[in-house]
């Protein structure tokens, strides 16, 4: 039993021994350029303003009960203004 205790004491003392390492590097130190991360812009320009397009100048309604429907954007194309009967 004494032998086991003494072996345990010897092994634990060698496992806990302090180590000192000295490293020598040969070469030229190279520093990489820093990576710049640019955040997305916080400001987005407003959409184009709404505009009313009336009937062309010099034109009158084709008859009683007709109204001018202004043109408008729908998805990716523009619908022209036109006369419409109520």
PDB file of N, CA and C in Angstrom:
ATOM      1  N   UNK A   1       0.811  -1.179   0.000  1.00  0.00           N
ATOM      2  CA  UNK A   1       0.000   0.000   0.000  1.00  0.00           C
ATOM      3  C   UNK A   1       0.866   1.259   0.000  1.00  0.00           C
ATOM      4  N   UNK A   2       1.947   1.205   0.737  1.00  0.00           N
ATOM      5  CA  UNK A   2       2.868   2.332   0.794  1.00  0.00           C
ATOM      6  C   UNK A   2       3.518   2.542  -0.567  1.00  0.00           C
ATOM      7  N   UNK A   3       3.796   1.456  -1.240  1.00  0.00           N
ATOM      8  CA  UNK A   3       4.387   1.548  -2.574  1.00  0.00           C
ATOM      9  C   UNK A   3       3.423   2.228  -3.542  1.00  0.00           C
ATOM     10  N   UNK A   4       2.152   1.881  -3.483  1.00  0.00           N
ATOM     11  CA  UNK A   4       1.141   2.483  -4.351  1.00  0.00           C
ATOM     12  C   UNK A   4       0.999   3.974  -4.062  1.00  0.00           C
ATOM     13  N   UNK A   5       1.017   4.364  -2.812  1.00  0.00           N
ATOM     14  CA  UNK A   5       0.896   5.763  -2.444  1.00  0.00           C
ATOM     15  C   UNK A   5       2.123   6.550  -2.898  1.00  0.00           C
ATOM     16  N   UNK A   6       3.307   5.973  -2.760  1.00  0.00           N
ATOM     17  CA  UNK A   6       4.509   6.678  -3.183  1.00  0.00           C
ATOM     18  C   UNK A   6       4.567   6.802  -4.701  1.00  0.00           C
ATOM     19  N   UNK A   7       4.135   5.786  -5.445  1.00  0.00           N
ATOM     20  CA  UNK A   7       4.105   5.877  -6.903  1.00  0.00           C
ATOM     21  C   UNK A   7       3.101   6.939  -7.354  1.00  0.00           C
ATOM     22  N   UNK A   8       1.968   6.996  -6.688  1.00  0.00           N
ATOM     23  CA  UNK A   8       0.971   8.000  -7.012  1.00  0.00           C
ATOM     24  C   UNK A   8       1.525   9.404  -6.754  1.00  0.00           C
ATOM     25  N   UNK A   9       2.248   9.599  -5.682  1.00  0.00           N
ATOM     26  CA  UNK A   9       2.834  10.900  -5.368  1.00  0.00           C
ATOM     27  C   UNK A   9       3.892  11.280  -6.400  1.00  0.00           C
ATOM     28  N   UNK A  10       4.701  10.349  -6.831  1.00  0.00           N
ATOM     29  CA  UNK A  10       5.742  10.627  -7.815  1.00  0.00           C
ATOM     30  C   UNK A  10       5.126  10.967  -9.166  1.00  0.00           C
ATOM     31  N   UNK A  11       4.151  10.184  -9.604  1.00  0.00           N
ATOM     32  CA  UNK A  11       3.516  10.425 -10.905  1.00  0.00           C
ATOM     33  C   UNK A  11       2.736  11.735 -10.937  1.00  0.00           C
ATOM     34  N   UNK A  12       2.074  12.063  -9.858  1.00  0.00           N
ATOM     35  CA  UNK A  12       1.307  13.310  -9.837  1.00  0.00           C
ATOM     36  C   UNK A  12       2.236  14.517  -9.799  1.00  0.00           C
ATOM     37  N   UNK A  13       3.377  14.403  -9.167  1.00  0.00           N
ATOM     38  CA  UNK A  13       4.302  15.532  -9.116  1.00  0.00           C
ATOM     39  C   UNK A  13       4.948  15.766 -10.479  1.00  0.00           C
ATOM     40  N   UNK A  14       5.205  14.716 -11.244  1.00  0.00           N
ATOM     41  CA  UNK A  14       5.775  14.916 -12.574  1.00  0.00           C
ATOM     42  C   UNK A  14       4.728  15.437 -13.545  1.00  0.00           C
ATOM     43  N   UNK A  15       3.485  15.077 -13.355  1.00  0.00           N
ATOM     44  CA  UNK A  15       2.428  15.569 -14.253  1.00  0.00           C
ATOM     45  C   UNK A  15       2.144  17.046 -13.997  1.00  0.00           C
ATOM     46  N   UNK A  16       2.365  17.523 -12.780  1.00  0.00           N
ATOM     47  CA  UNK A  16       2.081  18.914 -12.443  1.00  0.00           C
ATOM     48  C   UNK A  16       3.324  19.786 -12.546  1.00  0.00           C
ATOM     49  N   UNK A  17       4.392  19.281 -13.091  1.00  0.00           N
ATOM     50  CA  UNK A  17       5.628  20.056 -13.191  1.00  0.00           C
ATOM     51  C   UNK A  17       5.427  21.221 -14.157  1.00  0.00           C
ATOM     52  N   UNK A  18       6.096  22.323 -13.865  1.00  0.00           N
ATOM     53  CA  UNK A  18       5.986  23.510 -14.712  1.00  0.00           C
ATOM     54  C   UNK A  18       6.839  23.326 -15.958  1.00  0.00           C
ATOM     55  N   UNK A  19       6.332  23.761 -17.096  1.00  0.00           N
ATOM     56  CA  UNK A  19       7.068  23.653 -18.341  1.00  0.00           C
ATOM     57  C   UNK A  19       7.364  25.051 -18.859  1.00  0.00           C
ATOM     58  N   UNK A  20       8.518  25.207 -19.431  1.00  0.00           N
ATOM     59  CA  UNK A  20       8.902  26.465 -20.046  1.00  0.00           C
ATOM     60  C   UNK A  20       9.254  26.160 -21.493  1.00  0.00           C
ATOM     61  N   UNK A  21       8.586  26.794 -22.424  1.00  0.00           N
ATOM     62  CA  UNK A  21       8.857  26.599 -23.841  1.00  0.00           C
ATOM     63  C   UNK A  21       9.405  27.890 -24.410  1.00  0.00           C
ATOM     64  N   UNK A  22      10.414  27.771 -25.237  1.00  0.00           N
ATOM     65  CA  UNK A  22      10.996  28.919 -25.917  1.00  0.00           C
ATOM     66  C   UNK A  22      10.911  28.634 -27.403  1.00  0.00           C
ATOM     67  N   UNK A  23      10.238  29.517 -28.144  1.00  0.00           N
ATOM     68  CA  UNK A  23      10.090  29.331 -29.585  1.00  0.00           C
ATOM     69  C   UNK A  23      10.909  30.362 -30.338  1.00  0.00           C
ATOM     70  N   UNK A  24      11.494  29.942 -31.414  1.00  0.00           N
ATOM     71  CA  UNK A  24      12.274  30.842 -32.253  1.00  0.00           C
ATOM     72  C   UNK A  24      11.664  30.788 -33.640  1.00  0.00           C
ATOM     73  N   UNK A  25      11.261  31.939 -34.166  1.00  0.00           N
ATOM     74  CA  UNK A  25      10.676  32.007 -35.498  1.00  0.00           C
ATOM     75  C   UNK A  25      11.630  32.700 -36.448  1.00  0.00           C
ATOM     76  N   UNK A  26      11.783  32.142 -37.632  1.00  0.00           N
ATOM     77  CA  UNK A  26      12.647  32.730 -38.643  1.00  0.00           C
ATOM     78  C   UNK A  26      11.777  33.083 -39.834  1.00  0.00           C
ATOM     79  N   UNK A  27      11.888  34.292 -40.299  1.00  0.00           N
ATOM     80  CA  UNK A  27      11.101  34.720 -41.441  1.00  0.00           C
ATOM     81  C   UNK A  27      10.687  36.167 -41.294  1.00  0.00           C
ATOM     82  N   UNK A  28       9.905  36.618 -42.265  1.00  0.00           N
ATOM     83  CA  UNK A  28       9.431  37.998 -42.276  1.00  0.00           C
ATOM     84  C   UNK A  28       7.984  38.001 -41.796  1.00  0.00           C
ATOM     85  N   UNK A  29       7.675  38.805 -40.780  1.00  0.00           N
ATOM     86  CA  UNK A  29       6.289  38.849 -40.337  1.00  0.00           C
ATOM     87  C   UNK A  29       5.404  39.518 -41.397  1.00  0.00           C
ATOM     88  N   UNK A  30       4.294  38.895 -41.710  1.00  0.00           N
ATOM     89  CA  UNK A  30       3.374  39.416 -42.725  1.00  0.00           C
ATOM     90  C   UNK A  30       2.032  39.676 -42.057  1.00  0.00           C
ATOM     91  N   UNK A  31       1.579  40.922 -42.159  1.00  0.00           N
ATOM     92  CA  UNK A  31       0.273  41.281 -41.614  1.00  0.00           C
ATOM     93  C   UNK A  31      -0.702  41.435 -42.774  1.00  0.00           C
ATOM     94  N   UNK A  32      -1.807  40.744 -42.702  1.00  0.00           N
ATOM     95  CA  UNK A  32      -2.824  40.843 -43.745  1.00  0.00           C
ATOM     96  C   UNK A  32      -3.586  42.151 -43.607  1.00  0.00           C
ATOM     97  N   UNK A  33      -4.057  42.659 -44.733  1.00  0.00           N
ATOM     98  CA  UNK A  33      -4.843  43.895 -44.719  1.00  0.00           C
ATOM     99  C   UNK A  33      -6.157  43.646 -43.982  1.00  0.00           C
ATOM    100  N   UNK A  34      -6.586  44.604 -43.180  1.00  0.00           N
ATOM    101  CA  UNK A  34      -7.843  44.411 -42.457  1.00  0.00           C
ATOM    102  C   UNK A  34      -9.036  44.376 -43.419  1.00  0.00           C
ATOM    103  N   UNK A  35     -10.007  43.584 -43.088  1.00  0.00           N
ATOM    104  CA  UNK A  35     -11.217  43.481 -43.900  1.00  0.00           C
ATOM    105  C   UNK A  35     -12.195  44.544 -43.422  1.00  0.00           C
ATOM    106  N   UNK A  36     -12.617  45.387 -44.333  1.00  0.00           N
ATOM    107  CA  UNK A  36     -13.544  46.471 -43.993  1.00  0.00           C
ATOM    108  C   UNK A  36     -14.949  46.038 -44.395  1.00  0.00           C
ATOM    109  N   UNK A  37     -15.831  45.997 -43.436  1.00  0.00           N
ATOM    110  CA  UNK A  37     -17.224  45.642 -43.698  1.00  0.00           C
ATOM    111  C   UNK A  37     -18.042  46.925 -43.650  1.00  0.00           C
ATOM    112  N   UNK A  38     -18.643  47.268 -44.779  1.00  0.00           N
ATOM    113  CA  UNK A  38     -19.427  48.494 -44.871  1.00  0.00           C
ATOM    114  C   UNK A  38     -20.893  48.144 -44.667  1.00  0.00           C
ATOM    115  N   UNK A  39     -21.543  48.764 -43.696  1.00  0.00           N
ATOM    116  CA  UNK A  39     -22.958  48.469 -43.480  1.00  0.00           C
ATOM    117  C   UNK A  39     -23.819  49.012 -44.623  1.00  0.00           C
ATOM    118  N   UNK A  40     -24.979  48.434 -44.775  1.00  0.00           N
ATOM    119  CA  UNK A  40     -25.921  48.891 -45.803  1.00  0.00           C
ATOM    120  C   UNK A  40     -26.365  50.312 -45.486  1.00  0.00           C
ATOM    121  N   UNK A  41     -26.663  51.108 -46.504  1.00  0.00           N
ATOM    122  CA  UNK A  41     -27.090  52.483 -46.227  1.00  0.00           C
ATOM    123  C   UNK A  41     -28.407  52.504 -45.450  1.00  0.00           C
ATOM    124  N   UNK A  42     -28.492  53.419 -44.521  1.00  0.00           N
ATOM    125  CA  UNK A  42     -29.685  53.511 -43.689  1.00  0.00           C
ATOM    126  C   UNK A  42     -30.774  54.345 -44.360  1.00  0.00           C
ATOM    127  N   UNK A  43     -30.413  55.110 -45.395  1.00  0.00           N
ATOM    128  CA  UNK A  43     -31.382  55.978 -46.047  1.00  0.00           C
ATOM    129  C   UNK A  43     -31.673  55.461 -47.447  1.00  0.00           C
ATOM    130  N   UNK A  44     -32.923  55.333 -47.758  1.00  0.00           N
ATOM    131  CA  UNK A  44     -33.347  54.963 -49.102  1.00  0.00           C
ATOM    132  C   UNK A  44     -34.183  56.114 -49.650  1.00  0.00           C
ATOM    133  N   UNK A  45     -33.947  56.529 -50.887  1.00  0.00           N
ATOM    134  CA  UNK A  45     -34.720  57.651 -51.414  1.00  0.00           C
ATOM    135  C   UNK A  45     -36.201  57.294 -51.509  1.00  0.00           C
ATOM    136  N   UNK A  46     -37.066  58.272 -51.316  1.00  0.00           N
ATOM    137  CA  UNK A  46     -38.506  57.988 -51.378  1.00  0.00           C
ATOM    138  C   UNK A  46     -38.929  57.645 -52.804  1.00  0.00           C
ATOM    139  N   UNK A  47     -40.030  56.950 -52.958  1.00  0.00           N
ATOM    140  CA  UNK A  47     -40.514  56.640 -54.303  1.00  0.00           C
ATOM    141  C   UNK A  47     -40.960  57.920 -55.006  1.00  0.00           C
ATOM    142  N   UNK A  48     -41.068  57.886 -56.322  1.00  0.00           N
ATOM    143  CA  UNK A  48     -41.507  59.087 -57.032  1.00  0.00           C
ATOM    144  C   UNK A  48     -42.894  59.517 -56.554  1.00  0.00           C
ATOM    145  N   UNK A  49     -43.098  60.814 -56.532  1.00  0.00           N
ATOM    146  CA  UNK A  49     -44.372  61.345 -56.047  1.00  0.00           C
ATOM    147  C   UNK A  49     -45.530  61.013 -56.974  1.00  0.00           C
ATOM    148  N   UNK A  50     -46.703  61.052 -56.405  1.00  0.00           N
ATOM    149  CA  UNK A  50     -47.903  60.802 -57.195  1.00  0.00           C
ATOM    150  C   UNK A  50     -48.265  62.074 -57.958  1.00  0.00           C
ATOM    151  N   UNK A  51     -48.645  61.922 -59.165  1.00  0.00           N
ATOM    152  CA  UNK A  51     -49.015  63.079 -59.978  1.00  0.00           C
ATOM    153  C   UNK A  51     -50.354  62.803 -60.644  1.00  0.00           C
ATOM    154  N   UNK A  52     -51.164  63.821 -60.734  1.00  0.00           N
ATOM    155  CA  UNK A  52     -52.443  63.670 -61.412  1.00  0.00           C
ATOM    156  C   UNK A  52     -52.275  64.114 -62.854  1.00  0.00           C
ATOM    157  N   UNK A  53     -52.647  63.254 -63.745  1.00  0.00           N
ATOM    158  CA  UNK A  53     -52.597  63.580 -65.169  1.00  0.00           C
ATOM    159  C   UNK A  53     -54.031  63.747 -65.648  1.00  0.00           C
ATOM    160  N   UNK A  54     -54.415  64.977 -65.916  1.00  0.00           N
ATOM    161  CA  UNK A  54     -55.760  65.256 -66.385  1.00  0.00           C
ATOM    162  C   UNK A  54     -55.893  64.950 -67.873  1.00  0.00           C
ATOM    163  N   UNK A  55     -57.068  65.177 -68.412  1.00  0.00           N
ATOM    164  CA  UNK A  55     -57.253  64.927 -69.837  1.00  0.00           C
ATOM    165  C   UNK A  55     -56.370  65.877 -70.648  1.00  0.00           C
ATOM    166  N   UNK A  56     -55.975  65.478 -71.814  1.00  0.00           N
ATOM    167  CA  UNK A  56     -55.130  66.351 -72.636  1.00  0.00           C
ATOM    168  C   UNK A  56     -55.810  67.701 -72.847  1.00  0.00           C
ATOM    169  N   UNK A  57     -55.040  68.783 -72.897  1.00  0.00           N
ATOM    170  CA  UNK A  57     -55.658  70.112 -73.059  1.00  0.00           C
ATOM    171  C   UNK A  57     -56.388  70.210 -74.393  1.00  0.00           C
ATOM    172  N   UNK A  58     -57.526  70.882 -74.360  1.00  0.00           N
ATOM    173  CA  UNK A  58     -58.305  71.061 -75.579  1.00  0.00           C
ATOM    174  C   UNK A  58     -59.272  69.916 -75.853  1.00  0.00           C
ATOM    175  N   UNK A  59     -59.275  68.896 -74.992  1.00  0.00           N
ATOM    176  CA  UNK A  59     -60.201  67.777 -75.191  1.00  0.00           C
ATOM    177  C   UNK A  59     -61.342  67.903 -74.195  1.00  0.00           C
ATOM    178  N   UNK A  60     -62.490  67.516 -74.638  1.00  0.00           N
ATOM    179  CA  UNK A  60     -63.659  67.537 -73.776  1.00  0.00           C
ATOM    180  C   UNK A  60     -64.203  66.119 -73.684  1.00  0.00           C
ATOM    181  N   UNK A  61     -65.008  65.890 -72.666  1.00  0.00           N
ATOM    182  CA  UNK A  61     -65.583  64.557 -72.506  1.00  0.00           C
ATOM    183  C   UNK A  61     -66.366  64.187 -73.760  1.00  0.00           C
ATOM    184  N   UNK A  62     -66.291  62.915 -74.179  1.00  0.00           N
ATOM    185  CA  UNK A  62     -66.978  62.512 -75.400  1.00  0.00           C
ATOM    186  C   UNK A  62     -68.494  62.549 -75.288  1.00  0.00           C
ATOM    187  N   UNK A  63     -69.012  62.703 -74.093  1.00  0.00           N
ATOM    188  CA  UNK A  63     -70.457  62.768 -73.920  1.00  0.00           C
ATOM    189  C   UNK A  63     -70.799  62.900 -72.452  1.00  0.00           C
ATOM    190  N   UNK A  64     -72.086  63.061 -72.161  1.00  0.00           N
ATOM    191  CA  UNK A  64     -72.480  63.188 -70.759  1.00  0.00           C
ATOM    192  C   UNK A  64     -72.240  61.869 -70.019  1.00  0.00           C
ATOM    193  N   UNK A  65     -71.830  61.966 -68.769  1.00  0.00           N
ATOM    194  CA  UNK A  65     -71.611  60.774 -67.950  1.00  0.00           C
ATOM    195  C   UNK A  65     -70.204  60.205 -68.062  1.00  0.00           C
ATOM    196  N   UNK A  66     -69.321  60.830 -68.820  1.00  0.00           N
ATOM    197  CA  UNK A  66     -67.949  60.331 -68.940  1.00  0.00           C
ATOM    198  C   UNK A  66     -67.042  61.073 -67.967  1.00  0.00           C
ATOM    199  N   UNK A  67     -66.111  60.357 -67.380  1.00  0.00           N
ATOM    200  CA  UNK A  67     -65.130  60.955 -66.476  1.00  0.00           C
ATOM    201  C   UNK A  67     -63.727  60.547 -66.933  1.00  0.00           C
ATOM    202  N   UNK A  68     -62.758  61.379 -66.611  1.00  0.00           N
ATOM    203  CA  UNK A  68     -61.369  61.078 -66.973  1.00  0.00           C
ATOM    204  C   UNK A  68     -60.749  60.212 -65.881  1.00  0.00           C
ATOM    205  N   UNK A  69     -60.168  59.075 -66.250  1.00  0.00           N
ATOM    206  CA  UNK A  69     -59.443  58.203 -65.326  1.00  0.00           C
ATOM    207  C   UNK A  69     -57.965  58.431 -65.575  1.00  0.00           C
ATOM    208  N   UNK A  70     -57.282  58.894 -64.545  1.00  0.00           N
ATOM    209  CA  UNK A  70     -55.861  59.201 -64.683  1.00  0.00           C
ATOM    210  C   UNK A  70     -55.050  57.926 -64.878  1.00  0.00           C
ATOM    211  N   UNK A  71     -53.926  58.052 -65.561  1.00  0.00           N
ATOM    212  CA  UNK A  71     -53.049  56.905 -65.763  1.00  0.00           C
ATOM    213  C   UNK A  71     -52.377  56.493 -64.463  1.00  0.00           C
ATOM    214  N   UNK A  72     -51.879  55.256 -64.406  1.00  0.00           N
ATOM    215  CA  UNK A  72     -51.246  54.765 -63.182  1.00  0.00           C
ATOM    216  C   UNK A  72     -50.245  53.664 -63.515  1.00  0.00           C
ATOM    217  N   UNK A  73     -49.315  53.475 -62.601  1.00  0.00           N
ATOM    218  CA  UNK A  73     -48.333  52.403 -62.726  1.00  0.00           C
ATOM    219  C   UNK A  73     -48.906  51.139 -62.120  1.00  0.00           C
ATOM    220  N   UNK A  74     -48.689  50.022 -62.792  1.00  0.00           N
ATOM    221  CA  UNK A  74     -49.131  48.729 -62.282  1.00  0.00           C
ATOM    222  C   UNK A  74     -48.002  47.735 -62.502  1.00  0.00           C
ATOM    223  N   UNK A  75     -47.278  47.440 -61.444  1.00  0.00           N
ATOM    224  CA  UNK A  75     -46.150  46.514 -61.573  1.00  0.00           C
ATOM    225  C   UNK A  75     -45.019  47.145 -62.356  1.00  0.00           C
ATOM    226  N   UNK A  76     -44.830  46.730 -63.598  1.00  0.00           N
ATOM    227  CA  UNK A  76     -43.700  47.223 -64.371  1.00  0.00           C
ATOM    228  C   UNK A  76     -44.116  48.024 -65.596  1.00  0.00           C
ATOM    229  N   UNK A  77     -45.401  48.367 -65.731  1.00  0.00           N
ATOM    230  CA  UNK A  77     -45.805  49.150 -66.900  1.00  0.00           C
ATOM    231  C   UNK A  77     -46.859  50.197 -66.509  1.00  0.00           C
ATOM    232  N   UNK A  78     -47.041  51.178 -67.388  1.00  0.00           N
ATOM    233  CA  UNK A  78     -47.919  52.308 -67.121  1.00  0.00           C
ATOM    234  C   UNK A  78     -49.214  52.159 -67.909  1.00  0.00           C
ATOM    235  N   UNK A  79     -50.346  52.338 -67.234  1.00  0.00           N
ATOM    236  CA  UNK A  79     -51.654  52.344 -67.895  1.00  0.00           C
ATOM    237  C   UNK A  79     -51.990  53.801 -68.223  1.00  0.00           C
ATOM    238  N   UNK A  80     -52.257  54.076 -69.498  1.00  0.00           N
ATOM    239  CA  UNK A  80     -52.558  55.447 -69.914  1.00  0.00           C
ATOM    240  C   UNK A  80     -53.915  55.889 -69.376  1.00  0.00           C
ATOM    241  N   UNK A  81     -54.045  57.217 -69.224  1.00  0.00           N
ATOM    242  CA  UNK A  81     -55.330  57.770 -68.814  1.00  0.00           C
ATOM    243  C   UNK A  81     -56.356  57.613 -69.940  1.00  0.00           C
ATOM    244  N   UNK A  82     -57.638  57.562 -69.573  1.00  0.00           N
ATOM    245  CA  UNK A  82     -58.674  57.368 -70.582  1.00  0.00           C
ATOM    246  C   UNK A  82     -60.023  57.873 -70.061  1.00  0.00           C
ATOM    247  N   UNK A  83     -60.957  58.059 -70.995  1.00  0.00           N
ATOM    248  CA  UNK A  83     -62.312  58.448 -70.626  1.00  0.00           C
ATOM    249  C   UNK A  83     -63.089  57.182 -70.286  1.00  0.00           C
ATOM    250  N   UNK A  84     -63.940  57.283 -69.260  1.00  0.00           N
ATOM    251  CA  UNK A  84     -64.725  56.122 -68.856  1.00  0.00           C
ATOM    252  C   UNK A  84     -66.144  56.579 -68.547  1.00  0.00           C
ATOM    253  N   UNK A  85     -67.090  55.790 -69.002  1.00  0.00           N
ATOM    254  CA  UNK A  85     -68.498  56.098 -68.713  1.00  0.00           C
ATOM    255  C   UNK A  85     -68.828  55.579 -67.332  1.00  0.00           C
ATOM    256  N   UNK A  86     -69.543  56.412 -66.575  1.00  0.00           N
ATOM    257  CA  UNK A  86     -69.882  56.010 -65.205  1.00  0.00           C
ATOM    258  C   UNK A  86     -70.874  54.909 -65.173  1.00  0.00           C
TER     259      UNK A  86
END
